[in-house]
Amino acid sequence: MKELVEMIARALVDHPEEVVVNETLKDDTVHLELKVAESDMGKVIGKQGRIARAIRTVVKAAGMKTDEKIIIDII
Protein backbone atom coordinates (compact mmCIF):
# COMPACT_ATOMS: atom_id res chain seq x y z
CA MET A 1 0.00 0.00 0.00
CA LYS A 2 2.91 2.32 0.74
CA GLU A 3 4.00 2.20 -2.90
CA LEU A 4 0.48 2.93 -4.13
CA VAL A 5 0.14 6.04 -1.95
CA GLU A 6 3.63 7.20 -2.97
CA MET A 7 2.84 6.79 -6.67
CA ILE A 8 -0.44 8.72 -6.42
CA ALA A 9 1.09 11.53 -4.35
CA ARG A 10 4.13 11.92 -6.63
CA ALA A 11 1.81 12.29 -9.62
CA LEU A 12 -0.09 15.13 -7.92
CA VAL A 13 2.69 17.35 -6.52
CA ASP A 14 5.24 19.78 -7.96
CA HIS A 15 8.06 18.44 -5.75
CA PRO A 16 7.84 14.63 -6.00
CA GLU A 17 11.26 14.19 -4.37
CA GLU A 18 9.80 15.49 -1.07
CA VAL A 19 7.04 12.87 -0.88
CA VAL A 20 7.60 10.52 2.06
CA VAL A 21 5.28 7.73 3.18
CA ASN A 22 5.82 6.01 6.54
CA GLU A 23 4.04 2.74 7.24
CA THR A 24 3.35 1.35 10.71
CA LEU A 25 1.36 -1.69 11.73
CA LYS A 26 -0.78 -1.53 14.88
CA ASP A 27 -2.91 -4.54 15.75
CA ASP A 28 -4.43 -5.45 12.39
CA THR A 29 -4.50 -1.88 11.02
CA VAL A 30 -1.98 -0.32 8.67
CA HIS A 31 -1.29 3.36 9.37
CA LEU A 32 0.22 5.36 6.52
CA GLU A 33 1.61 8.86 7.08
CA LEU A 34 1.95 10.91 3.92
CA LYS A 35 4.32 13.88 4.08
CA VAL A 36 4.64 16.39 1.24
CA ALA A 37 6.19 19.82 0.83
CA GLU A 38 4.19 22.67 2.39
CA SER A 39 3.61 24.22 -1.03
CA ASP A 40 2.08 20.94 -2.30
CA MET A 41 -0.26 20.36 0.64
CA GLY A 42 -3.24 21.93 -1.13
CA LYS A 43 -2.74 19.73 -4.17
CA VAL A 44 -2.85 16.57 -2.10
CA ILE A 45 -5.86 17.65 -0.03
CA GLY A 46 -7.86 19.35 -2.80
CA LYS A 47 -10.91 21.55 -2.52
CA GLN A 48 -12.96 20.53 0.52
CA GLY A 49 -10.72 17.45 0.89
CA ARG A 50 -11.88 15.79 -2.31
CA ILE A 51 -8.44 14.60 -3.46
CA ALA A 52 -7.56 13.26 0.01
CA ARG A 53 -10.90 11.45 0.17
CA ALA A 54 -10.30 9.94 -3.28
CA ILE A 55 -6.83 8.72 -2.27
CA ARG A 56 -8.26 7.13 0.87
CA THR A 57 -11.03 5.46 -1.15
CA VAL A 58 -8.59 3.95 -3.66
CA VAL A 59 -6.27 2.66 -0.94
CA LYS A 60 -9.13 1.21 1.11
CA ALA A 61 -10.43 -0.57 -1.99
CA ALA A 62 -6.97 -2.02 -2.64
CA GLY A 63 -6.73 -3.06 1.00
CA MET A 64 -10.00 -4.98 0.80
CA LYS A 65 -8.28 -7.52 -1.46
CA THR A 66 -5.83 -8.37 1.31
CA ASP A 67 -8.32 -7.88 4.18
CA GLU A 68 -6.32 -4.98 5.63
CA LYS A 69 -7.76 -1.93 7.35
CA ILE A 70 -5.77 1.10 6.20
CA ILE A 71 -5.70 4.60 7.68
CA ILE A 72 -3.98 7.46 5.86
CA ASP A 73 -2.84 10.60 7.67
CA ILE A 74 -1.63 13.57 5.62
CA ILE A 75 1.01 15.50 7.54
PDB file of N, CA and C in Angstrom:
ATOM      1  N   MET A   1       0.813  -1.197   0.000  1.00  0.00           N
ATOM      2  CA  MET A   1       0.000   0.000   0.000  1.00  0.00           C
ATOM      3  C   MET A   1       0.856   1.260   0.000  1.00  0.00           C
ATOM      4  N   LYS A   2       2.006   1.169   0.656  1.00  0.00           N
ATOM      5  CA  LYS A   2       2.910   2.317   0.737  1.00  0.00           C
ATOM      6  C   LYS A   2       3.291   2.788  -0.660  1.00  0.00           C
ATOM      7  N   GLU A   3       3.601   1.850  -1.545  1.00  0.00           N
ATOM      8  CA  GLU A   3       4.002   2.200  -2.904  1.00  0.00           C
ATOM      9  C   GLU A   3       2.864   2.847  -3.680  1.00  0.00           C
ATOM     10  N   LEU A   4       1.644   2.373  -3.451  1.00  0.00           N
ATOM     11  CA  LEU A   4       0.480   2.934  -4.126  1.00  0.00           C
ATOM     12  C   LEU A   4       0.266   4.394  -3.726  1.00  0.00           C
ATOM     13  N   VAL A   5       0.326   4.671  -2.433  1.00  0.00           N
ATOM     14  CA  VAL A   5       0.142   6.042  -1.948  1.00  0.00           C
ATOM     15  C   VAL A   5       1.259   6.936  -2.464  1.00  0.00           C
ATOM     16  N   GLU A   6       2.496   6.428  -2.460  1.00  0.00           N
ATOM     17  CA  GLU A   6       3.634   7.200  -2.969  1.00  0.00           C
ATOM     18  C   GLU A   6       3.450   7.543  -4.432  1.00  0.00           C
ATOM     19  N   MET A   7       3.022   6.571  -5.236  1.00  0.00           N
ATOM     20  CA  MET A   7       2.841   6.792  -6.668  1.00  0.00           C
ATOM     21  C   MET A   7       1.765   7.845  -6.932  1.00  0.00           C
ATOM     22  N   ILE A   8       0.652   7.750  -6.231  1.00  0.00           N
ATOM     23  CA  ILE A   8      -0.440   8.715  -6.417  1.00  0.00           C
ATOM     24  C   ILE A   8       0.014  10.116  -6.010  1.00  0.00           C
ATOM     25  N   ALA A   9       0.665  10.222  -4.852  1.00  0.00           N
ATOM     26  CA  ALA A   9       1.089  11.530  -4.347  1.00  0.00           C
ATOM     27  C   ALA A   9       2.135  12.163  -5.263  1.00  0.00           C
ATOM     28  N   ARG A  10       3.091  11.378  -5.746  1.00  0.00           N
ATOM     29  CA  ARG A  10       4.132  11.919  -6.633  1.00  0.00           C
ATOM     30  C   ARG A  10       3.540  12.449  -7.935  1.00  0.00           C
ATOM     31  N   ALA A  11       2.464  11.838  -8.393  1.00  0.00           N
ATOM     32  CA  ALA A  11       1.810  12.293  -9.621  1.00  0.00           C
ATOM     33  C   ALA A  11       1.072  13.620  -9.423  1.00  0.00           C
ATOM     34  N   LEU A  12       0.704  13.939  -8.198  1.00  0.00           N
ATOM     35  CA  LEU A  12      -0.087  15.133  -7.921  1.00  0.00           C
ATOM     36  C   LEU A  12       0.740  16.386  -7.626  1.00  0.00           C
ATOM     37  N   VAL A  13       1.943  16.223  -7.070  1.00  0.00           N
ATOM     38  CA  VAL A  13       2.686  17.350  -6.519  1.00  0.00           C
ATOM     39  C   VAL A  13       3.716  17.920  -7.496  1.00  0.00           C
ATOM     40  N   ASP A  14       4.200  19.130  -7.175  1.00  0.00           N
ATOM     41  CA  ASP A  14       5.241  19.775  -7.963  1.00  0.00           C
ATOM     42  C   ASP A  14       6.634  19.331  -7.532  1.00  0.00           C
ATOM     43  N   HIS A  15       6.771  18.866  -6.294  1.00  0.00           N
ATOM     44  CA  HIS A  15       8.063  18.442  -5.748  1.00  0.00           C
ATOM     45  C   HIS A  15       7.985  16.965  -5.343  1.00  0.00           C
ATOM     46  N   PRO A  16       8.014  16.052  -6.328  1.00  0.00           N
ATOM     47  CA  PRO A  16       7.843  14.627  -5.999  1.00  0.00           C
ATOM     48  C   PRO A  16       8.975  14.054  -5.155  1.00  0.00           C
ATOM     49  N   GLU A  17      10.133  14.692  -5.160  1.00  0.00           N
ATOM     50  CA  GLU A  17      11.259  14.195  -4.368  1.00  0.00           C
ATOM     51  C   GLU A  17      11.026  14.382  -2.867  1.00  0.00           C
ATOM     52  N   GLU A  18      10.082  15.241  -2.486  1.00  0.00           N
ATOM     53  CA  GLU A  18       9.803  15.490  -1.071  1.00  0.00           C
ATOM     54  C   GLU A  18       8.652  14.645  -0.519  1.00  0.00           C
ATOM     55  N   VAL A  19       8.116  13.751  -1.330  1.00  0.00           N
ATOM     56  CA  VAL A  19       7.036  12.874  -0.878  1.00  0.00           C
ATOM     57  C   VAL A  19       7.641  11.739  -0.056  1.00  0.00           C
ATOM     58  N   VAL A  20       7.135  11.582   1.164  1.00  0.00           N
ATOM     59  CA  VAL A  20       7.599  10.517   2.059  1.00  0.00           C
ATOM     60  C   VAL A  20       6.374   9.832   2.645  1.00  0.00           C
ATOM     61  N   VAL A  21       6.373   8.500   2.598  1.00  0.00           N
ATOM     62  CA  VAL A  21       5.281   7.725   3.178  1.00  0.00           C
ATOM     63  C   VAL A  21       5.877   6.785   4.216  1.00  0.00           C
ATOM     64  N   ASN A  22       5.394   6.898   5.454  1.00  0.00           N
ATOM     65  CA  ASN A  22       5.819   6.010   6.544  1.00  0.00           C
ATOM     66  C   ASN A  22       4.687   5.046   6.846  1.00  0.00           C
ATOM     67  N   GLU A  23       5.035   3.777   6.992  1.00  0.00           N
ATOM     68  CA  GLU A  23       4.036   2.737   7.244  1.00  0.00           C
ATOM     69  C   GLU A  23       4.292   2.097   8.601  1.00  0.00           C
ATOM     70  N   THR A  24       3.257   2.042   9.421  1.00  0.00           N
ATOM     71  CA  THR A  24       3.350   1.352  10.709  1.00  0.00           C
ATOM     72  C   THR A  24       2.174   0.398  10.831  1.00  0.00           C
ATOM     73  N   LEU A  25       2.398  -0.691  11.529  1.00  0.00           N
ATOM     74  CA  LEU A  25       1.357  -1.688  11.727  1.00  0.00           C
ATOM     75  C   LEU A  25       0.994  -1.741  13.205  1.00  0.00           C
ATOM     76  N   LYS A  26      -0.268  -1.472  13.508  1.00  0.00           N
ATOM     77  CA  LYS A  26      -0.778  -1.534  14.878  1.00  0.00           C
ATOM     78  C   LYS A  26      -1.967  -2.477  14.878  1.00  0.00           C
ATOM     79  N   ASP A  27      -1.886  -3.496  15.709  1.00  0.00           N
ATOM     80  CA  ASP A  27      -2.908  -4.543  15.751  1.00  0.00           C
ATOM     81  C   ASP A  27      -3.069  -5.111  14.340  1.00  0.00           C
ATOM     82  N   ASP A  28      -4.240  -4.997  13.759  1.00  0.00           N
ATOM     83  CA  ASP A  28      -4.432  -5.455  12.385  1.00  0.00           C
ATOM     84  C   ASP A  28      -4.769  -4.282  11.463  1.00  0.00           C
ATOM     85  N   THR A  29      -4.261  -3.097  11.803  1.00  0.00           N
ATOM     86  CA  THR A  29      -4.497  -1.882  11.023  1.00  0.00           C
ATOM     87  C   THR A  29      -3.175  -1.322  10.526  1.00  0.00           C
ATOM     88  N   VAL A  30      -3.156  -0.945   9.262  1.00  0.00           N
ATOM     89  CA  VAL A  30      -1.977  -0.324   8.673  1.00  0.00           C
ATOM     90  C   VAL A  30      -2.173   1.188   8.700  1.00  0.00           C
ATOM     91  N   HIS A  31      -1.243   1.900   9.332  1.00  0.00           N
ATOM     92  CA  HIS A  31      -1.287   3.357   9.375  1.00  0.00           C
ATOM     93  C   HIS A  31      -0.247   3.896   8.411  1.00  0.00           C
ATOM     94  N   LEU A  32      -0.678   4.732   7.475  1.00  0.00           N
ATOM     95  CA  LEU A  32       0.225   5.360   6.521  1.00  0.00           C
ATOM     96  C   LEU A  32       0.253   6.854   6.783  1.00  0.00           C
ATOM     97  N   GLU A  33       1.447   7.418   6.919  1.00  0.00           N
ATOM     98  CA  GLU A  33       1.608   8.863   7.084  1.00  0.00           C
ATOM     99  C   GLU A  33       2.214   9.409   5.804  1.00  0.00           C
ATOM    100  N   LEU A  34       1.498  10.303   5.156  1.00  0.00           N
ATOM    101  CA  LEU A  34       1.948  10.912   3.917  1.00  0.00           C
ATOM    102  C   LEU A  34       2.464  12.317   4.216  1.00  0.00           C
ATOM    103  N   LYS A  35       3.725  12.557   3.885  1.00  0.00           N
ATOM    104  CA  LYS A  35       4.321  13.877   4.083  1.00  0.00           C
ATOM    105  C   LYS A  35       4.693  14.440   2.716  1.00  0.00           C
ATOM    106  N   VAL A  36       4.302  15.693   2.481  1.00  0.00           N
ATOM    107  CA  VAL A  36       4.641  16.385   1.240  1.00  0.00           C
ATOM    108  C   VAL A  36       5.166  17.779   1.589  1.00  0.00           C
ATOM    109  N   ALA A  37       5.703  18.461   0.613  1.00  0.00           N
ATOM    110  CA  ALA A  37       6.187  19.824   0.831  1.00  0.00           C
ATOM    111  C   ALA A  37       4.997  20.724   1.182  1.00  0.00           C
ATOM    112  N   GLU A  38       5.267  21.745   1.979  1.00  0.00           N
ATOM    113  CA  GLU A  38       4.188  22.667   2.391  1.00  0.00           C
ATOM    114  C   GLU A  38       3.462  23.270   1.192  1.00  0.00           C
ATOM    115  N   SER A  39       4.212  23.595   0.141  1.00  0.00           N
ATOM    116  CA  SER A  39       3.605  24.216  -1.030  1.00  0.00           C
ATOM    117  C   SER A  39       2.709  23.245  -1.800  1.00  0.00           C
ATOM    118  N   ASP A  40       2.886  21.948  -1.595  1.00  0.00           N
ATOM    119  CA  ASP A  40       2.081  20.940  -2.296  1.00  0.00           C
ATOM    120  C   ASP A  40       0.912  20.420  -1.473  1.00  0.00           C
ATOM    121  N   MET A  41       0.781  20.869  -0.253  1.00  0.00           N
ATOM    122  CA  MET A  41      -0.257  20.356   0.641  1.00  0.00           C
ATOM    123  C   MET A  41      -1.651  20.531   0.043  1.00  0.00           C
ATOM    124  N   GLY A  42      -1.923  21.672  -0.543  1.00  0.00           N
ATOM    125  CA  GLY A  42      -3.240  21.928  -1.128  1.00  0.00           C
ATOM    126  C   GLY A  42      -3.553  21.008  -2.292  1.00  0.00           C
ATOM    127  N   LYS A  43      -2.523  20.613  -3.034  1.00  0.00           N
ATOM    128  CA  LYS A  43      -2.743  19.726  -4.174  1.00  0.00           C
ATOM    129  C   LYS A  43      -3.092  18.314  -3.735  1.00  0.00           C
ATOM    130  N   VAL A  44      -2.571  17.911  -2.603  1.00  0.00           N
ATOM    131  CA  VAL A  44      -2.854  16.565  -2.103  1.00  0.00           C
ATOM    132  C   VAL A  44      -4.208  16.524  -1.402  1.00  0.00           C
ATOM    133  N   ILE A  45      -4.580  17.618  -0.737  1.00  0.00           N
ATOM    134  CA  ILE A  45      -5.860  17.652  -0.027  1.00  0.00           C
ATOM    135  C   ILE A  45      -7.003  17.988  -0.984  1.00  0.00           C
ATOM    136  N   GLY A  46      -6.821  18.971  -1.849  1.00  0.00           N
ATOM    137  CA  GLY A  46      -7.855  19.348  -2.802  1.00  0.00           C
ATOM    138  C   GLY A  46      -8.935  20.201  -2.171  1.00  0.00           C
ATOM    139  N   LYS A  47      -9.812  20.724  -3.014  1.00  0.00           N
ATOM    140  CA  LYS A  47     -10.912  21.550  -2.521  1.00  0.00           C
ATOM    141  C   LYS A  47     -11.836  20.699  -1.663  1.00  0.00           C
ATOM    142  N   GLN A  48     -12.085  21.176  -0.462  1.00  0.00           N
ATOM    143  CA  GLN A  48     -12.956  20.528   0.517  1.00  0.00           C
ATOM    144  C   GLN A  48     -12.537  19.078   0.778  1.00  0.00           C
ATOM    145  N   GLY A  49     -11.241  18.782   0.581  1.00  0.00           N
ATOM    146  CA  GLY A  49     -10.724  17.453   0.890  1.00  0.00           C
ATOM    147  C   GLY A  49     -11.055  16.379  -0.121  1.00  0.00           C
ATOM    148  N   ARG A  50     -11.440  16.771  -1.317  1.00  0.00           N
ATOM    149  CA  ARG A  50     -11.875  15.788  -2.310  1.00  0.00           C
ATOM    150  C   ARG A  50     -10.745  14.866  -2.771  1.00  0.00           C
ATOM    151  N   ILE A  51      -9.563  15.420  -3.008  1.00  0.00           N
ATOM    152  CA  ILE A  51      -8.437  14.598  -3.464  1.00  0.00           C
ATOM    153  C   ILE A  51      -8.027  13.629  -2.358  1.00  0.00           C
ATOM    154  N   ALA A  52      -7.927  14.121  -1.121  1.00  0.00           N
ATOM    155  CA  ALA A  52      -7.561  13.263   0.007  1.00  0.00           C
ATOM    156  C   ALA A  52      -8.583  12.143   0.180  1.00  0.00           C
ATOM    157  N   ARG A  53      -9.844  12.455   0.044  1.00  0.00           N
ATOM    158  CA  ARG A  53     -10.899  11.450   0.172  1.00  0.00           C
ATOM    159  C   ARG A  53     -10.781  10.406  -0.942  1.00  0.00           C
ATOM    160  N   ALA A  54     -10.448  10.866  -2.150  1.00  0.00           N
ATOM    161  CA  ALA A  54     -10.299   9.941  -3.276  1.00  0.00           C
ATOM    162  C   ALA A  54      -9.107   9.012  -3.069  1.00  0.00           C
ATOM    163  N   ILE A  55      -8.002   9.554  -2.553  1.00  0.00           N
ATOM    164  CA  ILE A  55      -6.827   8.718  -2.270  1.00  0.00           C
ATOM    165  C   ILE A  55      -7.184   7.664  -1.234  1.00  0.00           C
ATOM    166  N   ARG A  56      -7.871   8.070  -0.181  1.00  0.00           N
ATOM    167  CA  ARG A  56      -8.256   7.128   0.868  1.00  0.00           C
ATOM    168  C   ARG A  56      -9.186   6.039   0.324  1.00  0.00           C
ATOM    169  N   THR A  57     -10.101   6.421  -0.563  1.00  0.00           N
ATOM    170  CA  THR A  57     -11.029   5.459  -1.151  1.00  0.00           C
ATOM    171  C   THR A  57     -10.293   4.415  -1.990  1.00  0.00           C
ATOM    172  N   VAL A  58      -9.351   4.867  -2.810  1.00  0.00           N
ATOM    173  CA  VAL A  58      -8.591   3.952  -3.664  1.00  0.00           C
ATOM    174  C   VAL A  58      -7.774   2.984  -2.815  1.00  0.00           C
ATOM    175  N   VAL A  59      -7.114   3.508  -1.788  1.00  0.00           N
ATOM    176  CA  VAL A  59      -6.270   2.665  -0.942  1.00  0.00           C
ATOM    177  C   VAL A  59      -7.113   1.684  -0.123  1.00  0.00           C
ATOM    178  N   LYS A  60      -8.257   2.127   0.366  1.00  0.00           N
ATOM    179  CA  LYS A  60      -9.133   1.211   1.108  1.00  0.00           C
ATOM    180  C   LYS A  60      -9.645   0.098   0.197  1.00  0.00           C
ATOM    181  N   ALA A  61      -9.972   0.444  -1.043  1.00  0.00           N
ATOM    182  CA  ALA A  61     -10.432  -0.574  -1.986  1.00  0.00           C
ATOM    183  C   ALA A  61      -9.324  -1.579  -2.276  1.00  0.00           C
ATOM    184  N   ALA A  62      -8.104  -1.119  -2.421  1.00  0.00           N
ATOM    185  CA  ALA A  62      -6.974  -2.021  -2.645  1.00  0.00           C
ATOM    186  C   ALA A  62      -6.726  -2.884  -1.404  1.00  0.00           C
ATOM    187  N   GLY A  63      -6.928  -2.324  -0.234  1.00  0.00           N
ATOM    188  CA  GLY A  63      -6.734  -3.058   1.004  1.00  0.00           C
ATOM    189  C   GLY A  63      -7.778  -4.134   1.238  1.00  0.00           C
ATOM    190  N   MET A  64      -8.943  -3.977   0.637  1.00  0.00           N
ATOM    191  CA  MET A  64      -9.999  -4.978   0.798  1.00  0.00           C
ATOM    192  C   MET A  64      -9.582  -6.317   0.187  1.00  0.00           C
ATOM    193  N   LYS A  65      -8.741  -6.278  -0.834  1.00  0.00           N
ATOM    194  CA  LYS A  65      -8.282  -7.523  -1.456  1.00  0.00           C
ATOM    195  C   LYS A  65      -7.451  -8.352  -0.480  1.00  0.00           C
ATOM    196  N   THR A  66      -6.700  -7.670   0.370  1.00  0.00           N
ATOM    197  CA  THR A  66      -5.826  -8.368   1.314  1.00  0.00           C
ATOM    198  C   THR A  66      -6.398  -8.369   2.730  1.00  0.00           C
ATOM    199  N   ASP A  67      -7.648  -7.947   2.876  1.00  0.00           N
ATOM    200  CA  ASP A  67      -8.322  -7.880   4.184  1.00  0.00           C
ATOM    201  C   ASP A  67      -7.550  -7.048   5.196  1.00  0.00           C
ATOM    202  N   GLU A  68      -7.039  -5.902   4.752  1.00  0.00           N
ATOM    203  CA  GLU A  68      -6.315  -4.981   5.628  1.00  0.00           C
ATOM    204  C   GLU A  68      -7.151  -3.730   5.847  1.00  0.00           C
ATOM    205  N   LYS A  69      -7.143  -3.226   7.065  1.00  0.00           N
ATOM    206  CA  LYS A  69      -7.757  -1.929   7.346  1.00  0.00           C
ATOM    207  C   LYS A  69      -6.627  -0.902   7.251  1.00  0.00           C
ATOM    208  N   ILE A  70      -6.823   0.131   6.461  1.00  0.00           N
ATOM    209  CA  ILE A  70      -5.768   1.103   6.198  1.00  0.00           C
ATOM    210  C   ILE A  70      -6.259   2.493   6.550  1.00  0.00           C
ATOM    211  N   ILE A  71      -5.413   3.216   7.292  1.00  0.00           N
ATOM    212  CA  ILE A  71      -5.702   4.598   7.679  1.00  0.00           C
ATOM    213  C   ILE A  71      -4.592   5.468   7.116  1.00  0.00           C
ATOM    214  N   ILE A  72      -4.970   6.539   6.426  1.00  0.00           N
ATOM    215  CA  ILE A  72      -3.981   7.456   5.858  1.00  0.00           C
ATOM    216  C   ILE A  72      -4.071   8.806   6.565  1.00  0.00           C
ATOM    217  N   ASP A  73      -2.946   9.274   7.053  1.00  0.00           N
ATOM    218  CA  ASP A  73      -2.843  10.602   7.665  1.00  0.00           C
ATOM    219  C   ASP A  73      -1.951  11.451   6.767  1.00  0.00           C
ATOM    220  N   ILE A  74      -2.425  12.647   6.435  1.00  0.00           N
ATOM    221  CA  ILE A  74      -1.634  13.566   5.625  1.00  0.00           C
ATOM    222  C   ILE A  74      -1.024  14.586   6.580  1.00  0.00           C
ATOM    223  N   ILE A  75       0.295  14.633   6.602  1.00  0.00           N
ATOM    224  CA  ILE A  75       1.007  15.501   7.541  1.00  0.00           C
ATOM    225  C   ILE A  75       1.680  16.625   6.772  1.00  0.00           C
TER     226      ILE A  75
END
